[in-house]
Amino acid sequence: MGDVWMLDGGLEPITFDDFAEDRSPLELTQRVISTFSAEGDWVLDPFAGFGTTLSVAQALGRHAVGFEQNPKRALFAGEGLVPPNRIVNAPIQSMLDDGGYDRFDLLFTSPPYPMVNLKDDPWGPSYFGDMAQIFFGLRGFMKPGSAVVVEVSNVKTEEGFRPLIAEFGACLRAGLRQTNEIVRINTGPTPAGPGTHYSCLLVFEV
């Protein structure tokens, strides 16, 4: 599998009339789903955004469910999905409250990014507590031995630097067993995250 993945990292053009640069490239999503799941497996994306994980999973013969609370993004993400693949226009916390889902073979996502200073961020100072509650709550929806793959980049802006990879890894290791860390490096001009050309795939096992 290797622990360094080199890819162009360019984003495919989409027809969306708002900001759409905070998404994963197809090449990365295809590689993750091919590496960590098999045909017929169920894939979960708790922060589905534009639905790249869902559409790629469907194309690769998997089944996928995603959650996205932004109505415009959820509508876009649902285009082209064929049942049982689906997008749920609701925050992922609604899944934790519902419980009416089968167990998944792979969780792949890139969480919403906090800014350099959490006190100024819309997610607020409870960001890591919220993320821990979400990811640890989702353990009950995952099959034993399944993979949780979280793509995270550091944040580097004019306001400063935030080592989000290390912070997120420490947060999730409190409740999940980390088995690997894969460095994804963009060889093209598109950044992999705010101010950086690399990100990390934090790999955990349930």
N, C-alpha and C. Protein backbone atom coordinates (compact mmCIF):
# COMPACT_ATOMS: atom_id res chain seq x y z
N MET A 1 0.83 -1.21 0.00
CA MET A 1 0.00 0.00 0.00
C MET A 1 0.86 1.25 0.00
N GLY A 2 1.95 1.26 0.73
CA GLY A 2 2.82 2.43 0.78
C GLY A 2 2.28 3.50 1.70
N ASP A 3 3.18 4.27 2.30
CA ASP A 3 2.72 5.31 3.22
C ASP A 3 2.93 6.72 2.68
N VAL A 4 3.30 6.83 1.38
CA VAL A 4 3.36 8.12 0.69
C VAL A 4 2.64 7.97 -0.64
N TRP A 5 1.61 8.76 -0.85
CA TRP A 5 0.85 8.75 -2.10
C TRP A 5 1.08 10.06 -2.83
N MET A 6 1.62 9.98 -4.03
CA MET A 6 1.84 11.15 -4.87
C MET A 6 0.72 11.22 -5.90
N LEU A 7 0.07 12.35 -6.01
CA LEU A 7 -0.96 12.53 -7.01
C LEU A 7 -1.04 13.98 -7.44
N ASP A 8 -1.61 14.20 -8.60
CA ASP A 8 -1.70 15.57 -9.11
C ASP A 8 -2.49 16.45 -8.16
N GLY A 9 -3.63 15.94 -7.68
CA GLY A 9 -4.42 16.68 -6.69
C GLY A 9 -5.36 17.71 -7.26
N GLY A 10 -5.42 17.82 -8.59
CA GLY A 10 -6.33 18.79 -9.19
C GLY A 10 -7.79 18.42 -8.97
N LEU A 11 -8.63 19.42 -8.85
CA LEU A 11 -10.06 19.20 -8.65
C LEU A 11 -10.79 19.24 -9.99
N GLU A 12 -11.63 18.26 -10.22
CA GLU A 12 -12.40 18.21 -11.44
C GLU A 12 -13.44 19.34 -11.44
N PRO A 13 -13.70 19.98 -12.58
CA PRO A 13 -14.70 21.05 -12.62
C PRO A 13 -16.10 20.52 -12.35
N ILE A 14 -16.86 21.25 -11.57
CA ILE A 14 -18.25 20.88 -11.31
C ILE A 14 -19.13 22.10 -11.52
N THR A 15 -20.42 21.86 -11.75
CA THR A 15 -21.37 22.95 -11.97
C THR A 15 -22.08 23.24 -10.65
N PHE A 16 -21.46 24.10 -9.86
CA PHE A 16 -22.01 24.48 -8.56
C PHE A 16 -21.78 25.97 -8.39
N ASP A 17 -22.84 26.72 -8.08
CA ASP A 17 -22.76 28.18 -8.10
C ASP A 17 -22.36 28.79 -6.77
N ASP A 18 -21.44 28.13 -6.08
CA ASP A 18 -20.95 28.66 -4.81
C ASP A 18 -19.54 28.10 -4.59
N PHE A 19 -18.94 28.43 -3.46
CA PHE A 19 -17.59 27.94 -3.16
C PHE A 19 -17.56 26.41 -3.17
N ALA A 20 -16.59 25.85 -3.89
CA ALA A 20 -16.55 24.39 -4.04
C ALA A 20 -15.13 23.85 -4.05
N GLU A 21 -14.20 24.58 -3.44
CA GLU A 21 -12.80 24.15 -3.45
C GLU A 21 -12.46 23.23 -2.29
N ASP A 22 -13.35 23.10 -1.32
CA ASP A 22 -13.09 22.27 -0.14
C ASP A 22 -13.60 20.85 -0.35
N ARG A 23 -13.04 20.17 -1.33
CA ARG A 23 -13.45 18.79 -1.63
C ARG A 23 -12.24 17.97 -2.02
N SER A 24 -12.41 16.67 -1.96
CA SER A 24 -11.30 15.76 -2.28
C SER A 24 -11.27 15.47 -3.77
N PRO A 25 -10.08 15.35 -4.35
CA PRO A 25 -9.99 14.98 -5.77
C PRO A 25 -10.43 13.54 -5.99
N LEU A 26 -10.94 13.27 -7.18
CA LEU A 26 -11.41 11.93 -7.51
C LEU A 26 -10.30 10.90 -7.33
N GLU A 27 -9.10 11.23 -7.76
CA GLU A 27 -7.99 10.28 -7.71
C GLU A 27 -7.73 9.79 -6.29
N LEU A 28 -7.77 10.70 -5.33
CA LEU A 28 -7.55 10.32 -3.94
C LEU A 28 -8.68 9.44 -3.43
N THR A 29 -9.91 9.85 -3.71
CA THR A 29 -11.07 9.10 -3.24
C THR A 29 -11.10 7.70 -3.83
N GLN A 30 -10.80 7.58 -5.11
CA GLN A 30 -10.76 6.26 -5.75
C GLN A 30 -9.72 5.36 -5.10
N ARG A 31 -8.59 5.92 -4.79
CA ARG A 31 -7.50 5.11 -4.22
C ARG A 31 -7.85 4.66 -2.81
N VAL A 32 -8.45 5.54 -2.01
CA VAL A 32 -8.82 5.16 -0.64
C VAL A 32 -9.87 4.06 -0.66
N ILE A 33 -10.92 4.24 -1.46
CA ILE A 33 -12.01 3.26 -1.47
C ILE A 33 -11.53 1.93 -2.03
N SER A 34 -10.69 1.96 -3.06
CA SER A 34 -10.15 0.71 -3.62
C SER A 34 -9.25 -0.01 -2.64
N THR A 35 -8.50 0.75 -1.84
CA THR A 35 -7.53 0.16 -0.91
C THR A 35 -8.20 -0.42 0.32
N PHE A 36 -9.21 0.25 0.84
CA PHE A 36 -9.76 -0.11 2.15
C PHE A 36 -11.14 -0.76 2.10
N SER A 37 -11.64 -1.10 0.92
CA SER A 37 -12.94 -1.78 0.84
C SER A 37 -12.97 -2.68 -0.38
N ALA A 38 -14.02 -3.50 -0.46
CA ALA A 38 -14.18 -4.42 -1.58
C ALA A 38 -15.57 -4.21 -2.20
N GLU A 39 -15.77 -4.76 -3.38
CA GLU A 39 -17.08 -4.64 -4.03
C GLU A 39 -18.17 -5.19 -3.11
N GLY A 40 -19.27 -4.46 -3.07
CA GLY A 40 -20.39 -4.86 -2.22
C GLY A 40 -20.32 -4.31 -0.81
N ASP A 41 -19.18 -3.74 -0.42
CA ASP A 41 -19.05 -3.16 0.92
C ASP A 41 -19.86 -1.88 1.05
N TRP A 42 -20.15 -1.53 2.30
CA TRP A 42 -20.86 -0.29 2.62
C TRP A 42 -19.86 0.75 3.11
N VAL A 43 -19.97 1.96 2.55
CA VAL A 43 -19.06 3.06 2.86
C VAL A 43 -19.87 4.21 3.47
N LEU A 44 -19.33 4.80 4.52
CA LEU A 44 -19.99 5.92 5.20
C LEU A 44 -19.12 7.17 5.11
N ASP A 45 -19.74 8.31 4.77
CA ASP A 45 -19.06 9.60 4.82
C ASP A 45 -19.90 10.54 5.69
N PRO A 46 -19.48 10.80 6.92
CA PRO A 46 -20.28 11.63 7.82
C PRO A 46 -20.25 13.12 7.49
N PHE A 47 -19.31 13.55 6.66
CA PHE A 47 -19.23 14.95 6.22
C PHE A 47 -19.12 14.94 4.70
N ALA A 48 -20.22 14.60 4.03
CA ALA A 48 -20.19 14.21 2.61
C ALA A 48 -19.93 15.37 1.66
N GLY A 49 -20.24 16.60 2.04
CA GLY A 49 -19.97 17.73 1.17
C GLY A 49 -20.64 17.59 -0.18
N PHE A 50 -19.84 17.52 -1.24
CA PHE A 50 -20.35 17.43 -2.60
C PHE A 50 -20.57 15.99 -3.06
N GLY A 51 -20.35 15.02 -2.19
CA GLY A 51 -20.68 13.64 -2.49
C GLY A 51 -19.65 12.87 -3.28
N THR A 52 -18.40 13.33 -3.30
CA THR A 52 -17.37 12.61 -4.06
C THR A 52 -17.22 11.17 -3.58
N THR A 53 -17.20 10.98 -2.26
CA THR A 53 -17.08 9.62 -1.72
C THR A 53 -18.23 8.75 -2.19
N LEU A 54 -19.43 9.30 -2.20
CA LEU A 54 -20.61 8.51 -2.56
C LEU A 54 -20.59 8.12 -4.03
N SER A 55 -20.30 9.08 -4.91
CA SER A 55 -20.31 8.79 -6.35
C SER A 55 -19.18 7.83 -6.73
N VAL A 56 -18.02 7.98 -6.11
CA VAL A 56 -16.91 7.08 -6.40
C VAL A 56 -17.21 5.68 -5.87
N ALA A 57 -17.76 5.59 -4.67
CA ALA A 57 -18.12 4.28 -4.12
C ALA A 57 -19.12 3.57 -5.03
N GLN A 58 -20.11 4.30 -5.50
CA GLN A 58 -21.10 3.72 -6.41
C GLN A 58 -20.44 3.22 -7.69
N ALA A 59 -19.56 4.02 -8.27
CA ALA A 59 -18.88 3.64 -9.51
C ALA A 59 -17.99 2.42 -9.33
N LEU A 60 -17.48 2.22 -8.11
CA LEU A 60 -16.60 1.09 -7.83
C LEU A 60 -17.35 -0.13 -7.29
N GLY A 61 -18.67 -0.10 -7.35
CA GLY A 61 -19.45 -1.26 -6.95
C GLY A 61 -19.67 -1.40 -5.46
N ARG A 62 -19.47 -0.31 -4.72
CA ARG A 62 -19.78 -0.30 -3.29
C ARG A 62 -21.14 0.36 -3.08
N HIS A 63 -21.60 0.34 -1.84
CA HIS A 63 -22.81 1.06 -1.45
C HIS A 63 -22.39 2.15 -0.47
N ALA A 64 -23.03 3.30 -0.56
CA ALA A 64 -22.56 4.42 0.26
C ALA A 64 -23.71 5.24 0.81
N VAL A 65 -23.49 5.74 2.02
CA VAL A 65 -24.41 6.67 2.67
C VAL A 65 -23.59 7.86 3.15
N GLY A 66 -24.09 9.06 2.90
CA GLY A 66 -23.41 10.26 3.35
C GLY A 66 -24.35 11.21 4.03
N PHE A 67 -23.81 12.02 4.92
CA PHE A 67 -24.58 13.04 5.63
C PHE A 67 -24.01 14.42 5.29
N GLU A 68 -24.89 15.35 4.96
CA GLU A 68 -24.48 16.71 4.65
C GLU A 68 -25.60 17.66 5.08
N GLN A 69 -25.27 18.59 5.98
CA GLN A 69 -26.32 19.46 6.51
C GLN A 69 -26.59 20.69 5.65
N ASN A 70 -25.70 21.02 4.71
CA ASN A 70 -25.95 22.15 3.80
C ASN A 70 -26.90 21.70 2.70
N PRO A 71 -28.09 22.31 2.58
CA PRO A 71 -29.08 21.83 1.60
C PRO A 71 -28.59 21.87 0.16
N LYS A 72 -27.89 22.93 -0.24
CA LYS A 72 -27.42 23.04 -1.62
C LYS A 72 -26.39 21.96 -1.93
N ARG A 73 -25.50 21.73 -1.00
CA ARG A 73 -24.48 20.70 -1.22
C ARG A 73 -25.11 19.30 -1.21
N ALA A 74 -26.05 19.08 -0.32
CA ALA A 74 -26.72 17.78 -0.26
C ALA A 74 -27.47 17.49 -1.55
N LEU A 75 -28.14 18.51 -2.09
CA LEU A 75 -28.86 18.34 -3.35
C LEU A 75 -27.90 17.98 -4.47
N PHE A 76 -26.77 18.66 -4.52
CA PHE A 76 -25.76 18.36 -5.54
C PHE A 76 -25.21 16.95 -5.34
N ALA A 77 -24.92 16.58 -4.10
CA ALA A 77 -24.33 15.27 -3.81
C ALA A 77 -25.25 14.12 -4.20
N GLY A 78 -26.55 14.35 -4.16
CA GLY A 78 -27.50 13.29 -4.47
C GLY A 78 -27.71 13.04 -5.94
N GLU A 79 -27.24 13.96 -6.79
CA GLU A 79 -27.43 13.80 -8.23
C GLU A 79 -26.67 12.57 -8.74
N GLY A 80 -27.38 11.70 -9.42
CA GLY A 80 -26.75 10.52 -10.01
C GLY A 80 -26.65 9.32 -9.09
N LEU A 81 -27.02 9.47 -7.83
CA LEU A 81 -26.97 8.32 -6.92
C LEU A 81 -28.17 7.41 -7.15
N VAL A 82 -27.92 6.13 -7.16
CA VAL A 82 -28.97 5.13 -7.35
C VAL A 82 -29.12 4.35 -6.05
N PRO A 83 -30.36 4.19 -5.53
CA PRO A 83 -30.55 3.43 -4.29
C PRO A 83 -29.91 2.05 -4.40
N PRO A 84 -29.32 1.56 -3.31
CA PRO A 84 -29.42 2.05 -1.93
C PRO A 84 -28.45 3.18 -1.57
N ASN A 85 -27.65 3.65 -2.53
CA ASN A 85 -26.75 4.78 -2.25
C ASN A 85 -27.59 6.03 -2.01
N ARG A 86 -27.21 6.81 -1.00
CA ARG A 86 -28.05 7.97 -0.70
C ARG A 86 -27.29 9.01 0.13
N ILE A 87 -27.78 10.24 0.01
CA ILE A 87 -27.30 11.35 0.82
C ILE A 87 -28.41 11.75 1.77
N VAL A 88 -28.06 12.03 3.00
CA VAL A 88 -29.03 12.46 4.01
C VAL A 88 -28.74 13.93 4.32
N ASN A 89 -29.72 14.79 4.07
CA ASN A 89 -29.55 16.22 4.33
C ASN A 89 -29.81 16.50 5.80
N ALA A 90 -28.80 16.19 6.60
CA ALA A 90 -28.90 16.35 8.05
C ALA A 90 -27.50 16.24 8.63
N PRO A 91 -27.27 16.80 9.81
CA PRO A 91 -25.97 16.61 10.46
C PRO A 91 -25.78 15.16 10.86
N ILE A 92 -24.55 14.71 10.92
CA ILE A 92 -24.26 13.32 11.24
C ILE A 92 -24.78 12.94 12.62
N GLN A 93 -24.96 13.91 13.50
CA GLN A 93 -25.49 13.60 14.83
C GLN A 93 -26.87 12.95 14.75
N SER A 94 -27.61 13.21 13.67
CA SER A 94 -28.94 12.60 13.52
C SER A 94 -28.83 11.10 13.35
N MET A 95 -27.73 10.63 12.76
CA MET A 95 -27.51 9.19 12.63
C MET A 95 -27.29 8.56 13.99
N LEU A 96 -26.55 9.25 14.84
CA LEU A 96 -26.30 8.74 16.18
C LEU A 96 -27.59 8.63 16.97
N ASP A 97 -28.52 9.54 16.72
CA ASP A 97 -29.79 9.53 17.43
C ASP A 97 -30.76 8.49 16.86
N ASP A 98 -30.63 8.22 15.54
CA ASP A 98 -31.56 7.34 14.85
C ASP A 98 -31.21 5.87 15.09
N GLY A 99 -30.03 5.48 14.65
CA GLY A 99 -29.58 4.10 14.86
C GLY A 99 -30.10 3.11 13.84
N GLY A 100 -30.93 3.52 12.89
CA GLY A 100 -31.53 2.58 11.95
C GLY A 100 -30.69 2.31 10.72
N TYR A 101 -29.44 1.94 10.91
CA TYR A 101 -28.54 1.69 9.79
C TYR A 101 -27.79 0.38 10.02
N ASP A 102 -27.50 -0.31 8.89
CA ASP A 102 -26.65 -1.49 8.98
C ASP A 102 -25.21 -1.06 9.25
N ARG A 103 -24.37 -2.01 9.56
CA ARG A 103 -22.98 -1.68 9.85
C ARG A 103 -22.17 -1.47 8.57
N PHE A 104 -21.18 -0.58 8.67
CA PHE A 104 -20.39 -0.20 7.51
C PHE A 104 -19.01 -0.86 7.54
N ASP A 105 -18.43 -1.00 6.32
CA ASP A 105 -17.12 -1.62 6.16
C ASP A 105 -16.00 -0.58 6.12
N LEU A 106 -16.34 0.66 5.77
CA LEU A 106 -15.34 1.72 5.66
C LEU A 106 -15.99 3.06 5.97
N LEU A 107 -15.31 3.85 6.77
CA LEU A 107 -15.67 5.26 6.96
C LEU A 107 -14.54 6.08 6.37
N PHE A 108 -14.87 6.91 5.38
CA PHE A 108 -13.88 7.80 4.79
C PHE A 108 -14.45 9.21 4.73
N THR A 109 -13.69 10.17 5.24
CA THR A 109 -14.18 11.54 5.25
C THR A 109 -13.02 12.51 5.43
N SER A 110 -13.31 13.76 5.14
CA SER A 110 -12.43 14.86 5.51
C SER A 110 -13.28 15.82 6.33
N PRO A 111 -12.98 15.98 7.60
CA PRO A 111 -13.86 16.76 8.48
C PRO A 111 -13.78 18.25 8.18
N PRO A 112 -14.75 19.01 8.63
CA PRO A 112 -14.67 20.47 8.48
C PRO A 112 -13.47 21.01 9.23
N TYR A 113 -12.78 21.95 8.63
CA TYR A 113 -11.53 22.46 9.20
C TYR A 113 -11.76 23.65 10.11
N PRO A 114 -11.17 23.63 11.30
CA PRO A 114 -11.17 24.84 12.12
C PRO A 114 -10.13 25.81 11.61
N MET A 115 -10.28 27.06 11.96
CA MET A 115 -9.29 28.06 11.58
C MET A 115 -8.11 28.00 12.56
N VAL A 116 -7.19 28.92 12.41
CA VAL A 116 -5.99 28.89 13.26
C VAL A 116 -6.36 29.05 14.73
N ASN A 117 -7.27 29.96 15.02
CA ASN A 117 -7.69 30.19 16.40
C ASN A 117 -9.12 29.70 16.59
N LEU A 118 -9.30 28.66 17.38
CA LEU A 118 -10.63 28.09 17.55
C LEU A 118 -11.62 29.08 18.13
N LYS A 119 -11.15 30.02 18.94
CA LYS A 119 -12.08 30.96 19.56
C LYS A 119 -12.76 31.84 18.51
N ASP A 120 -12.14 31.96 17.32
CA ASP A 120 -12.72 32.76 16.25
C ASP A 120 -13.44 31.89 15.22
N ASP A 121 -13.46 30.60 15.44
CA ASP A 121 -13.99 29.68 14.45
C ASP A 121 -15.48 29.43 14.66
N PRO A 122 -16.25 29.26 13.56
CA PRO A 122 -17.69 28.97 13.72
C PRO A 122 -17.96 27.73 14.55
N TRP A 123 -17.02 26.74 14.50
CA TRP A 123 -17.21 25.53 15.30
C TRP A 123 -16.96 25.79 16.78
N GLY A 124 -16.19 26.81 17.08
CA GLY A 124 -15.97 27.17 18.47
C GLY A 124 -14.94 26.31 19.17
N PRO A 125 -14.65 26.66 20.42
CA PRO A 125 -13.60 25.96 21.17
C PRO A 125 -13.93 24.50 21.48
N SER A 126 -15.18 24.08 21.25
CA SER A 126 -15.55 22.68 21.52
C SER A 126 -15.31 21.77 20.31
N TYR A 127 -14.60 22.27 19.30
CA TYR A 127 -14.41 21.52 18.05
C TYR A 127 -13.94 20.09 18.27
N PHE A 128 -12.83 19.91 18.98
CA PHE A 128 -12.28 18.56 19.13
C PHE A 128 -13.17 17.68 20.00
N GLY A 129 -13.83 18.27 20.97
CA GLY A 129 -14.79 17.50 21.75
C GLY A 129 -15.96 17.04 20.89
N ASP A 130 -16.42 17.92 20.00
CA ASP A 130 -17.50 17.55 19.09
C ASP A 130 -17.06 16.43 18.14
N MET A 131 -15.85 16.55 17.60
CA MET A 131 -15.35 15.53 16.67
C MET A 131 -15.18 14.18 17.38
N ALA A 132 -14.66 14.20 18.59
CA ALA A 132 -14.51 12.95 19.34
C ALA A 132 -15.86 12.30 19.58
N GLN A 133 -16.84 13.10 19.96
CA GLN A 133 -18.17 12.56 20.22
C GLN A 133 -18.75 11.92 18.97
N ILE A 134 -18.55 12.57 17.82
CA ILE A 134 -19.08 12.04 16.56
C ILE A 134 -18.38 10.75 16.18
N PHE A 135 -17.06 10.77 16.09
CA PHE A 135 -16.34 9.59 15.62
C PHE A 135 -16.45 8.42 16.58
N PHE A 136 -16.41 8.68 17.87
CA PHE A 136 -16.53 7.58 18.83
C PHE A 136 -17.95 7.03 18.83
N GLY A 137 -18.93 7.90 18.59
CA GLY A 137 -20.31 7.43 18.50
C GLY A 137 -20.55 6.56 17.28
N LEU A 138 -19.79 6.80 16.21
CA LEU A 138 -19.96 6.03 14.98
C LEU A 138 -19.34 4.64 15.06
N ARG A 139 -18.56 4.36 16.09
CA ARG A 139 -17.96 3.02 16.22
C ARG A 139 -19.02 1.93 16.21
N GLY A 140 -20.17 2.22 16.79
CA GLY A 140 -21.23 1.22 16.86
C GLY A 140 -21.88 0.93 15.52
N PHE A 141 -21.61 1.77 14.51
CA PHE A 141 -22.16 1.56 13.18
C PHE A 141 -21.15 0.90 12.24
N MET A 142 -19.96 0.59 12.76
CA MET A 142 -18.91 0.00 11.94
C MET A 142 -18.74 -1.48 12.27
N LYS A 143 -18.43 -2.28 11.26
CA LYS A 143 -18.17 -3.69 11.49
C LYS A 143 -16.84 -3.87 12.22
N PRO A 144 -16.71 -4.91 13.04
CA PRO A 144 -15.43 -5.17 13.70
C PRO A 144 -14.31 -5.33 12.67
N GLY A 145 -13.20 -4.66 12.91
CA GLY A 145 -12.07 -4.73 11.99
C GLY A 145 -12.15 -3.79 10.81
N SER A 146 -13.22 -3.00 10.73
CA SER A 146 -13.37 -2.07 9.61
C SER A 146 -12.43 -0.88 9.77
N ALA A 147 -12.23 -0.16 8.66
CA ALA A 147 -11.29 0.96 8.65
C ALA A 147 -12.02 2.30 8.75
N VAL A 148 -11.42 3.20 9.51
CA VAL A 148 -11.84 4.60 9.56
C VAL A 148 -10.67 5.41 9.02
N VAL A 149 -10.88 6.07 7.89
CA VAL A 149 -9.82 6.83 7.23
C VAL A 149 -10.23 8.30 7.20
N VAL A 150 -9.44 9.13 7.84
CA VAL A 150 -9.76 10.55 7.98
C VAL A 150 -8.66 11.37 7.33
N GLU A 151 -9.02 12.13 6.29
CA GLU A 151 -8.03 12.99 5.63
C GLU A 151 -7.98 14.33 6.33
N VAL A 152 -6.80 14.73 6.75
CA VAL A 152 -6.62 15.98 7.48
C VAL A 152 -5.36 16.68 6.96
N SER A 153 -5.42 18.00 6.85
CA SER A 153 -4.21 18.76 6.54
C SER A 153 -3.97 19.78 7.64
N ASN A 154 -2.76 20.23 7.75
CA ASN A 154 -2.48 21.35 8.63
C ASN A 154 -3.08 22.62 8.03
N VAL A 155 -3.20 23.65 8.84
CA VAL A 155 -3.76 24.93 8.39
C VAL A 155 -2.67 25.99 8.49
N LYS A 156 -2.37 26.61 7.36
CA LYS A 156 -1.30 27.62 7.31
C LYS A 156 -1.84 28.84 6.57
N THR A 157 -2.09 29.91 7.31
CA THR A 157 -2.66 31.12 6.74
C THR A 157 -1.86 32.34 7.22
N GLU A 158 -2.30 33.52 6.80
CA GLU A 158 -1.65 34.74 7.26
C GLU A 158 -1.78 34.91 8.77
N GLU A 159 -2.81 34.30 9.34
CA GLU A 159 -3.02 34.41 10.79
C GLU A 159 -2.08 33.50 11.58
N GLY A 160 -1.48 32.51 10.91
CA GLY A 160 -0.58 31.63 11.63
C GLY A 160 -0.66 30.19 11.15
N PHE A 161 -0.20 29.27 12.00
CA PHE A 161 -0.12 27.85 11.65
C PHE A 161 -0.81 27.02 12.72
N ARG A 162 -1.58 26.02 12.27
CA ARG A 162 -2.22 25.10 13.21
C ARG A 162 -1.86 23.67 12.82
N PRO A 163 -1.22 22.90 13.71
CA PRO A 163 -0.83 21.52 13.40
C PRO A 163 -2.02 20.57 13.53
N LEU A 164 -2.97 20.73 12.63
CA LEU A 164 -4.24 20.01 12.77
C LEU A 164 -4.07 18.50 12.63
N ILE A 165 -3.08 18.05 11.83
CA ILE A 165 -2.87 16.61 11.68
C ILE A 165 -2.55 15.97 13.03
N ALA A 166 -1.60 16.55 13.74
CA ALA A 166 -1.22 16.02 15.05
C ALA A 166 -2.37 16.14 16.05
N GLU A 167 -3.06 17.27 16.03
CA GLU A 167 -4.16 17.48 16.97
C GLU A 167 -5.30 16.51 16.73
N PHE A 168 -5.65 16.32 15.45
CA PHE A 168 -6.76 15.41 15.15
C PHE A 168 -6.38 13.97 15.45
N GLY A 169 -5.14 13.60 15.15
CA GLY A 169 -4.69 12.25 15.46
C GLY A 169 -4.77 11.96 16.95
N ALA A 170 -4.30 12.90 17.76
CA ALA A 170 -4.36 12.72 19.22
C ALA A 170 -5.79 12.63 19.70
N CYS A 171 -6.66 13.43 19.11
CA CYS A 171 -8.08 13.41 19.49
C CYS A 171 -8.70 12.04 19.24
N LEU A 172 -8.49 11.48 18.05
CA LEU A 172 -9.14 10.22 17.70
C LEU A 172 -8.48 9.01 18.34
N ARG A 173 -7.20 9.10 18.65
CA ARG A 173 -6.53 7.96 19.31
C ARG A 173 -7.05 7.73 20.72
N ALA A 174 -7.78 8.67 21.26
CA ALA A 174 -8.38 8.47 22.58
C ALA A 174 -9.48 7.42 22.54
N GLY A 175 -9.99 7.11 21.34
CA GLY A 175 -11.07 6.13 21.27
C GLY A 175 -10.97 5.16 20.11
N LEU A 176 -9.96 5.33 19.24
CA LEU A 176 -9.77 4.45 18.09
C LEU A 176 -8.30 4.03 18.02
N ARG A 177 -8.06 2.83 17.51
CA ARG A 177 -6.69 2.33 17.40
C ARG A 177 -6.11 2.72 16.04
N GLN A 178 -5.10 3.57 16.05
CA GLN A 178 -4.49 4.00 14.79
C GLN A 178 -3.55 2.93 14.28
N THR A 179 -3.67 2.59 12.98
CA THR A 179 -2.86 1.54 12.38
C THR A 179 -1.89 2.06 11.32
N ASN A 180 -2.12 3.28 10.85
CA ASN A 180 -1.23 3.80 9.81
C ASN A 180 -1.46 5.30 9.64
N GLU A 181 -0.51 5.94 8.98
CA GLU A 181 -0.64 7.33 8.56
C GLU A 181 -0.03 7.44 7.18
N ILE A 182 -0.85 7.78 6.21
CA ILE A 182 -0.40 7.88 4.82
C ILE A 182 -0.30 9.36 4.45
N VAL A 183 0.84 9.75 3.93
CA VAL A 183 1.04 11.14 3.51
C VAL A 183 0.64 11.27 2.05
N ARG A 184 -0.29 12.16 1.78
CA ARG A 184 -0.72 12.44 0.40
C ARG A 184 -0.07 13.76 -0.04
N ILE A 185 0.70 13.71 -1.12
CA ILE A 185 1.42 14.89 -1.60
C ILE A 185 0.89 15.27 -2.98
N ASN A 186 0.48 16.51 -3.15
CA ASN A 186 0.05 17.00 -4.45
C ASN A 186 1.26 17.42 -5.28
N THR A 187 1.37 16.87 -6.48
CA THR A 187 2.45 17.24 -7.38
C THR A 187 2.05 18.40 -8.29
N GLY A 188 0.75 18.68 -8.37
CA GLY A 188 0.26 19.78 -9.18
C GLY A 188 0.14 21.05 -8.36
N PRO A 189 -0.40 22.12 -8.96
CA PRO A 189 -0.48 23.41 -8.28
C PRO A 189 -1.60 23.53 -7.25
N THR A 190 -2.54 22.61 -7.25
CA THR A 190 -3.67 22.71 -6.33
C THR A 190 -3.24 22.36 -4.91
N PRO A 191 -3.54 23.21 -3.93
CA PRO A 191 -3.17 22.88 -2.55
C PRO A 191 -3.97 21.70 -2.02
N ALA A 192 -3.38 20.97 -1.09
CA ALA A 192 -4.07 19.84 -0.46
C ALA A 192 -4.86 20.27 0.76
N GLY A 193 -4.62 21.49 1.21
CA GLY A 193 -5.32 22.04 2.37
C GLY A 193 -4.97 23.51 2.45
N PRO A 194 -5.47 24.21 3.44
CA PRO A 194 -5.20 25.63 3.56
C PRO A 194 -3.70 25.94 3.69
N GLY A 195 -3.10 26.40 2.59
CA GLY A 195 -1.70 26.81 2.63
C GLY A 195 -0.69 25.69 2.57
N THR A 196 -1.09 24.48 2.20
CA THR A 196 -0.16 23.34 2.20
C THR A 196 -0.41 22.42 1.01
N HIS A 197 0.63 21.74 0.55
CA HIS A 197 0.51 20.82 -0.58
C HIS A 197 0.52 19.36 -0.14
N TYR A 198 0.36 19.11 1.13
CA TYR A 198 0.24 17.72 1.56
C TYR A 198 -0.84 17.61 2.64
N SER A 199 -1.38 16.42 2.74
CA SER A 199 -2.32 16.10 3.81
C SER A 199 -1.98 14.71 4.31
N CYS A 200 -2.63 14.27 5.36
CA CYS A 200 -2.41 12.93 5.89
C CYS A 200 -3.72 12.17 5.96
N LEU A 201 -3.64 10.91 5.61
CA LEU A 201 -4.76 9.99 5.81
C LEU A 201 -4.49 9.26 7.12
N LEU A 202 -5.23 9.62 8.14
CA LEU A 202 -5.11 8.95 9.44
C LEU A 202 -5.97 7.69 9.39
N VAL A 203 -5.34 6.54 9.54
CA VAL A 203 -6.03 5.26 9.38
C VAL A 203 -6.21 4.60 10.74
N PHE A 204 -7.46 4.26 11.05
CA PHE A 204 -7.79 3.62 12.32
C PHE A 204 -8.55 2.33 12.05
N GLU A 205 -8.54 1.45 13.04
CA GLU A 205 -9.30 0.20 12.95
C GLU A 205 -10.29 0.15 14.09
N VAL A 206 -11.51 -0.25 13.76
CA VAL A 206 -12.56 -0.36 14.79
C VAL A 206 -12.44 -1.72 15.47
